[in-house]
Each structure stands twice: as structure tokens, then as C-alpha cells.
C-alpha atoms as a PDB file:
ATOM      1  CA  MET A   1      14.674  -2.818 -10.234  1.00  0.00           C
ATOM      2  CA  THR A   2      14.386   0.086  -7.974  1.00  0.00           C
ATOM      3  CA  ALA A   3      10.943   0.138  -7.856  1.00  0.00           C
ATOM      4  CA  ALA A   4      11.493  -3.535  -6.304  1.00  0.00           C
ATOM      5  CA  LEU A   5      14.186  -2.167  -3.953  1.00  0.00           C
ATOM      6  CA  LEU A   6      11.333   0.407  -2.775  1.00  0.00           C
ATOM      7  CA  VAL A   7       9.107  -2.103  -2.523  1.00  0.00           C
ATOM      8  CA  LEU A   8      11.473  -4.540  -0.567  1.00  0.00           C
ATOM      9  CA  VAL A   9      12.315  -1.783   1.910  1.00  0.00           C
ATOM     10  CA  THR A  10       8.678  -0.710   3.547  1.00  0.00           C
ATOM     11  CA  LEU A  11       7.762  -4.385   3.437  1.00  0.00           C
ATOM     12  CA  THR A  12      11.200  -4.291   5.770  1.00  0.00           C
ATOM     13  CA  GLY A  13       9.500  -1.962   6.701  1.00  0.00           C
ATOM     14  CA  GLN A  14       5.759  -3.630   7.660  1.00  0.00           C
ATOM     15  CA  ARG A  15       8.129  -6.960   9.755  1.00  0.00           C
ATOM     16  CA  ILE A  16       9.888  -4.082  11.548  1.00  0.00           C
ATOM     17  CA  LEU A  17       6.580  -2.741  12.590  1.00  0.00           C
ATOM     18  CA  GLY A  18       5.401  -5.355  14.269  1.00  0.00           C
ATOM     19  CA  LEU A  19       8.456  -6.080  16.319  1.00  0.00           C
ATOM     20  CA  PRO A  20       7.574  -6.507  20.233  1.00  0.00           C
ATOM     21  CA  GLY A  21       7.819  -3.419  22.125  1.00  0.00           C
ATOM     22  CA  LEU A  22       6.324  -0.729  19.160  1.00  0.00           C
ATOM     23  CA  PRO A  23       2.594  -0.736  19.403  1.00  0.00           C
ATOM     24  CA  ALA A  24       0.117  -3.302  18.753  1.00  0.00           C
ATOM     25  CA  TRP A  25      -1.514  -1.034  16.604  1.00  0.00           C
ATOM     26  CA  ALA A  26       1.867  -0.490  14.707  1.00  0.00           C
ATOM     27  CA  THR A  27       1.125  -2.845  11.992  1.00  0.00           C
ATOM     28  CA  ASP A  28      -2.184  -1.641  11.234  1.00  0.00           C
ATOM     29  CA  LEU A  29       0.168   1.085   9.352  1.00  0.00           C
ATOM     30  CA  TRP A  30       0.365  -0.685   5.967  1.00  0.00           C
ATOM     31  CA  LEU A  31       3.751  -0.123   4.492  1.00  0.00           C
ATOM     32  CA  PRO A  32       3.754  -1.098   1.074  1.00  0.00           C
ATOM     33  CA  LEU A  33      -0.728   0.359   0.911  1.00  0.00           C
ATOM     34  CA  VAL A  34       1.069   2.946  -1.212  1.00  0.00           C
ATOM     35  CA  TRP A  35       2.821   1.218  -3.900  1.00  0.00           C
ATOM     36  CA  LEU A  36      -1.883   0.202  -4.629  1.00  0.00           C
ATOM     37  CA  VAL A  37      -1.940   3.889  -4.938  1.00  0.00           C
ATOM     38  CA  TRP A  38       1.178   5.128  -6.720  1.00  0.00           C
ATOM     39  CA  PRO A  39       1.028   3.658  -9.815  1.00  0.00           C
ATOM     40  CA  PRO A  40      -2.803   3.716 -10.840  1.00  0.00           C
ATOM     41  CA  LEU A  41      -2.311   7.458 -10.025  1.00  0.00           C
ATOM     42  CA  ARG A  42      -0.010   8.084 -12.647  1.00  0.00           C
ATOM     43  CA  ASN A  43      -1.072   6.013 -15.284  1.00  0.00           C
ATOM     44  CA  ASP A  44       1.083   2.641 -15.201  1.00  0.00           C
ATOM     45  CA  ARG A  45      -1.206   0.027 -16.235  1.00  0.00           C
ATOM     46  CA  ALA A  46       1.488  -2.944 -16.236  1.00  0.00           C
ATOM     47  CA  TRP A  47       1.212  -2.377 -12.400  1.00  0.00           C
ATOM     48  CA  PRO A  48      -1.460  -4.564 -11.142  1.00  0.00           C
ATOM     49  CA  PHE A  49       0.230  -7.531 -13.012  1.00  0.00           C
ATOM     50  CA  TRP A  50       3.679  -7.270 -11.042  1.00  0.00           C
ATOM     51  CA  ALA A  51       2.478  -6.373  -8.400  1.00  0.00           C
ATOM     52  CA  LEU A  52       1.040  -9.660  -7.893  1.00  0.00           C
ATOM     53  CA  VAL A  53       4.328 -10.720  -7.123  1.00  0.00           C
ATOM     54  CA  LEU A  54       6.100  -7.823  -5.798  1.00  0.00           C
ATOM     55  CA  LEU A  55       3.484  -6.554  -3.203  1.00  0.00           C
ATOM     56  CA  GLY A  56       1.297 -10.172  -2.586  1.00  0.00           C
ATOM     57  CA  LEU A  57       3.790 -12.739  -2.095  1.00  0.00           C
ATOM     58  CA  GLY A  58       5.699 -10.597  -0.538  1.00  0.00           C
ATOM     59  CA  TRP A  59       3.265  -9.697   2.182  1.00  0.00           C
ATOM     60  CA  ASP A  60       2.653 -12.932   2.178  1.00  0.00           C
ATOM     61  CA  VAL A  61       6.495 -14.012   3.751  1.00  0.00           C
ATOM     62  CA  VAL A  62       6.074 -11.229   5.173  1.00  0.00           C
ATOM     63  CA  THR A  63       3.145 -11.459   7.550  1.00  0.00           C
ATOM     64  CA  GLU A  64       1.353 -13.952   6.739  1.00  0.00           C
ATOM     65  CA  PRO A  65       0.448 -18.048   7.970  1.00  0.00           C
ATOM     66  CA  VAL A  66      -0.189 -19.099   4.318  1.00  0.00           C
ATOM     67  CA  ILE A  67       1.110 -18.274   0.989  1.00  0.00           C
ATOM     68  CA  GLY A  68      -1.567 -17.291  -1.274  1.00  0.00           C
ATOM     69  CA  PRO A  69      -4.390 -14.974   0.135  1.00  0.00           C
ATOM     70  CA  GLY A  70      -1.848 -11.949   0.258  1.00  0.00           C
ATOM     71  CA  GLY A  71      -1.232 -12.044  -3.305  1.00  0.00           C
ATOM     72  CA  ILE A  72      -5.113 -12.522  -4.375  1.00  0.00           C
ATOM     73  CA  ALA A  73      -5.802  -9.659  -1.871  1.00  0.00           C
ATOM     74  CA  TRP A  74      -3.585  -7.568  -2.737  1.00  0.00           C
ATOM     75  CA  SER A  75      -3.050  -7.883  -7.120  1.00  0.00           C
ATOM     76  CA  GLY A  76      -7.380  -7.937  -6.291  1.00  0.00           C
ATOM     77  CA  ALA A  77      -7.265  -4.382  -5.077  1.00  0.00           C
ATOM     78  CA  GLY A  78      -4.768  -2.957  -7.569  1.00  0.00           C
ATOM     79  CA  LEU A  79      -6.770  -4.139 -10.107  1.00  0.00           C
ATOM     80  CA  ALA A  80      -9.752  -2.418  -9.095  1.00  0.00           C
ATOM     81  CA  LEU A  81      -7.932   0.739  -7.739  1.00  0.00           C
ATOM     82  CA  GLY A  82      -6.348   0.846 -11.434  1.00  0.00           C
ATOM     83  CA  TRP A  83      -9.662   1.226 -12.777  1.00  0.00           C
ATOM     84  CA  LEU A  84     -11.420   3.276 -10.280  1.00  0.00           C
ATOM     85  CA  ALA A  85      -8.224   5.742 -10.446  1.00  0.00           C
ATOM     86  CA  ARG A  86      -8.762   5.715 -14.519  1.00  0.00           C
ATOM     87  CA  ARG A  87     -12.236   7.019 -13.825  1.00  0.00           C
ATOM     88  CA  VAL A  88     -11.572  10.050 -11.527  1.00  0.00           C
ATOM     89  CA  ALA A  89      -9.646  13.092 -12.916  1.00  0.00           C
ATOM     90  CA  ASP A  90      -8.509  14.562  -9.428  1.00  0.00           C
ATOM     91  CA  ARG A  91      -4.404  13.468  -8.760  1.00  0.00           C
ATOM     92  CA  SER A  92      -4.337  15.805  -5.427  1.00  0.00           C
ATOM     93  CA  PRO A  93      -3.350  14.499  -1.977  1.00  0.00           C
ATOM     94  CA  VAL A  94      -7.190  14.204  -0.992  1.00  0.00           C
ATOM     95  CA  ALA A  95      -7.459  11.342  -3.772  1.00  0.00           C
ATOM     96  CA  TRP A  96      -4.211   9.505  -2.693  1.00  0.00           C
ATOM     97  CA  ALA A  97      -6.172   9.398   0.226  1.00  0.00           C
ATOM     98  CA  GLY A  98      -9.237   8.699  -0.867  1.00  0.00           C
ATOM     99  CA  ALA A  99      -7.188   5.400  -2.665  1.00  0.00           C
ATOM    100  CA  GLY A 100      -5.268   4.824   0.167  1.00  0.00           C
ATOM    101  CA  ALA A 101      -8.387   4.335   2.481  1.00  0.00           C
ATOM    102  CA  VAL A 102     -10.102   2.736  -0.979  1.00  0.00           C
ATOM    103  CA  ALA A 103      -7.182  -0.363  -1.232  1.00  0.00           C
ATOM    104  CA  ALA A 104      -6.618  -1.035   1.889  1.00  0.00           C
ATOM    105  CA  ALA A 105     -10.340  -1.900   2.104  1.00  0.00           C
ATOM    106  CA  GLY A 106     -10.171  -3.801  -1.006  1.00  0.00           C
ATOM    107  CA  VAL A 107      -7.334  -5.624   0.755  1.00  0.00           C
ATOM    108  CA  LEU A 108      -9.205  -6.620   3.175  1.00  0.00           C
ATOM    109  CA  LEU A 109     -12.147  -7.797   2.121  1.00  0.00           C
ATOM    110  CA  LEU A 110      -9.812 -10.052  -0.269  1.00  0.00           C
ATOM    111  CA  ARG A 111      -8.481 -11.202   2.071  1.00  0.00           C
ATOM    112  CA  ARG A 112     -10.566 -11.438   3.723  1.00  0.00           C
ATOM    113  CA  LEU A 113     -12.872 -13.778   1.426  1.00  0.00           C
ATOM    114  CA  THR A 114      -9.495 -15.883   0.278  1.00  0.00           C
ATOM    115  CA  LEU A 115      -8.911 -17.074   3.920  1.00  0.00           C
ATOM    116  CA  LEU A 116     -12.655 -18.158   4.732  1.00  0.00           C
ATOM    117  CA  PRO A 117     -12.643 -21.519   2.792  1.00  0.00           C
ATOM    118  CA  LEU A 118      -9.396 -22.273   4.645  1.00  0.00           C
ATOM    119  CA  GLY A 119     -11.064 -22.155   8.609  1.00  0.00           C
ATOM    120  CA  LEU A 120      -8.593 -19.347   9.194  1.00  0.00           C
ATOM    121  CA  ALA A 121      -9.817 -16.036   8.355  1.00  0.00           C
ATOM    122  CA  GLY A 122     -10.382 -15.066  12.529  1.00  0.00           C
ATOM    123  CA  PRO A 123     -13.762 -12.676  13.768  1.00  0.00           C
ATOM    124  CA  TRP A 124     -14.024  -9.592  11.737  1.00  0.00           C
ATOM    125  CA  MET A 125     -13.083  -7.010  14.398  1.00  0.00           C
ATOM    126  CA  TRP A 126     -14.184  -3.556  13.392  1.00  0.00           C
ATOM    127  CA  ILE A 127     -11.804  -1.332  15.146  1.00  0.00           C
ATOM    128  CA  PRO A 128      -8.969  -2.810  13.890  1.00  0.00           C
ATOM    129  CA  VAL A 129     -10.437  -2.368  10.230  1.00  0.00           C
ATOM    130  CA  LEU A 130     -10.931   1.224  11.064  1.00  0.00           C
ATOM    131  CA  ARG A 131      -7.593   1.545  12.086  1.00  0.00           C
ATOM    132  CA  VAL A 132      -6.089   0.010   8.924  1.00  0.00           C
ATOM    133  CA  LEU A 133      -8.810   1.986   6.822  1.00  0.00           C
ATOM    134  CA  LEU A 134      -7.367   5.556   8.366  1.00  0.00           C
ATOM    135  CA  LEU A 135      -3.702   4.778   8.281  1.00  0.00           C
ATOM    136  CA  GLY A 136      -3.403   3.511   5.288  1.00  0.00           C
ATOM    137  CA  SER A 137      -5.948   6.642   3.909  1.00  0.00           C
ATOM    138  CA  ALA A 138      -3.666   9.029   6.345  1.00  0.00           C
ATOM    139  CA  TRP A 139      -0.439   7.656   4.890  1.00  0.00           C
ATOM    140  CA  CYS A 140      -1.005   7.317   1.793  1.00  0.00           C
ATOM    141  CA  GLY A 141      -2.465  11.301   1.191  1.00  0.00           C
ATOM    142  CA  LEU A 142       1.134  11.673   2.694  1.00  0.00           C
ATOM    143  CA  VAL A 143       2.905  10.898   0.081  1.00  0.00           C
ATOM    144  CA  GLY A 144       0.751  12.139  -2.397  1.00  0.00           C
ATOM    145  CA  VAL A 145       1.221  15.236  -0.479  1.00  0.00           C
ATOM    146  CA  VAL A 146       4.978  15.050  -0.237  1.00  0.00           C
ATOM    147  CA  GLN A 147       4.460  14.533  -4.304  1.00  0.00           C
ATOM    148  CA  ARG A 148       2.748  17.295  -4.983  1.00  0.00           C
ATOM    149  CA  LEU A 149       5.686  19.540  -3.246  1.00  0.00           C
ATOM    150  CA  ASP A 150       8.236  17.848  -5.313  1.00  0.00           C
ATOM    151  CA  VAL A 151      10.198  17.027  -2.285  1.00  0.00           C
ATOM    152  CA  ALA A 152      12.934  14.691  -4.767  1.00  0.00           C
ATOM    153  CA  GLY A 153      12.976  17.499  -7.000  1.00  0.00           C
ATOM    154  CA  ALA A 154      13.564  20.412  -4.423  1.00  0.00           C
ATOM    155  CA  ILE A 155      16.370  18.342  -3.273  1.00  0.00           C
ATOM    156  CA  GLY A 156      17.650  17.728  -6.484  1.00  0.00           C
ATOM    157  CA  ARG A 157      17.832  21.496  -7.585  1.00  0.00           C
ATOM    158  CA  MET A 158      19.767  22.315  -3.836  1.00  0.00           C
ATOM    159  CA  ARG A 159      22.542  19.696  -4.809  1.00  0.00           C
ATOM    160  CA  ARG A 160      23.111  21.231  -8.290  1.00  0.00           C
ATOM    161  CA  ARG A 161      23.038  24.838  -6.832  1.00  0.00           C
ATOM    162  CA  ARG A 162      25.529  23.995  -4.178  1.00  0.00           C
ATOM    163  CA  LEU A 163      27.758  21.177  -6.934  1.00  0.00           C
ATOM    164  CA  ARG A 164      28.147  25.218  -9.136  1.00  0.00           C
END
């Protein structure tokens, strides 16, 4: 239940990044991307199956003109990243950043392939693609750093000390 709530928060944040008044490139920072990277690096094998529902279809509702391509793209990228994470033993923030870039590339490619038969795939522009890859990598790397520093555990320890 907590994971679903956090996914909804990141999807809402993604929608907020598309509001007028923000820079146009703000939508290239995909906040839900961390939910593709987190489970494979935490050895949660069931995640890609419900990523279809939470991430993919949620992404479709929030950002896409039709429902379906996002579900296919996000779940396919989740499966590919799960396969890759089982072969790489590194769980450092650098691995998180690399996994973020791989996940973003997978989503972009699969989304493009699913939109082509519908005639909705626009021209491939390299600058936004590179921004999505770089921002996704940086975002997932930042989450990896926060996890490595165990910020939540430190806050809990600080609260326990204060209650004594």
C-alpha cells in the first residue's frame, strides 16, 4: 500500500513538472523512473508485474494521448532491468545511476515502438532523449546516494534519541 501511495506521489509530481510556467525541459525529469530501478536493485522479483498497473498505466493516464503504450514500455523496461540487475552485483549509487539511464532508454525505445503502429510517434529528437537519459540517471543516482546514507534510519535514530 505504501509503494502504491509513493508511486501516486511521484506521478503527481510528474504532472506538476508539466505545468505552465516551468521550463519545458522539466518534463524530461521522470520522477517515477526510480520505481523501475529500486526493486531490481533490492531483489524484489514481483515488481515488474505490478509495475504494469501502477507505473505504466498510471503514466498513460497522466501523460499519454492513449492508454496502453506506457504500460507496455514501463513493464518491458522493468523486466529488462530486472534481468540486468541479476547479472550485476554492484548496488552502489553509480549502479543506481547506470540503471536509471538503462531504464529511461528502455522506456523511450519501447514507447516509441508501441506508438509507431498507431501513427502517434513524432520525430525522434536527440536533445530531449539525451536530457531524459541524463536527468533519469542523475535522479536515480541521487536516490542511490540517499539510500546509501540511510537518511530514513538516521531520522528514526534521531527521533528515538529525542524521545528518551
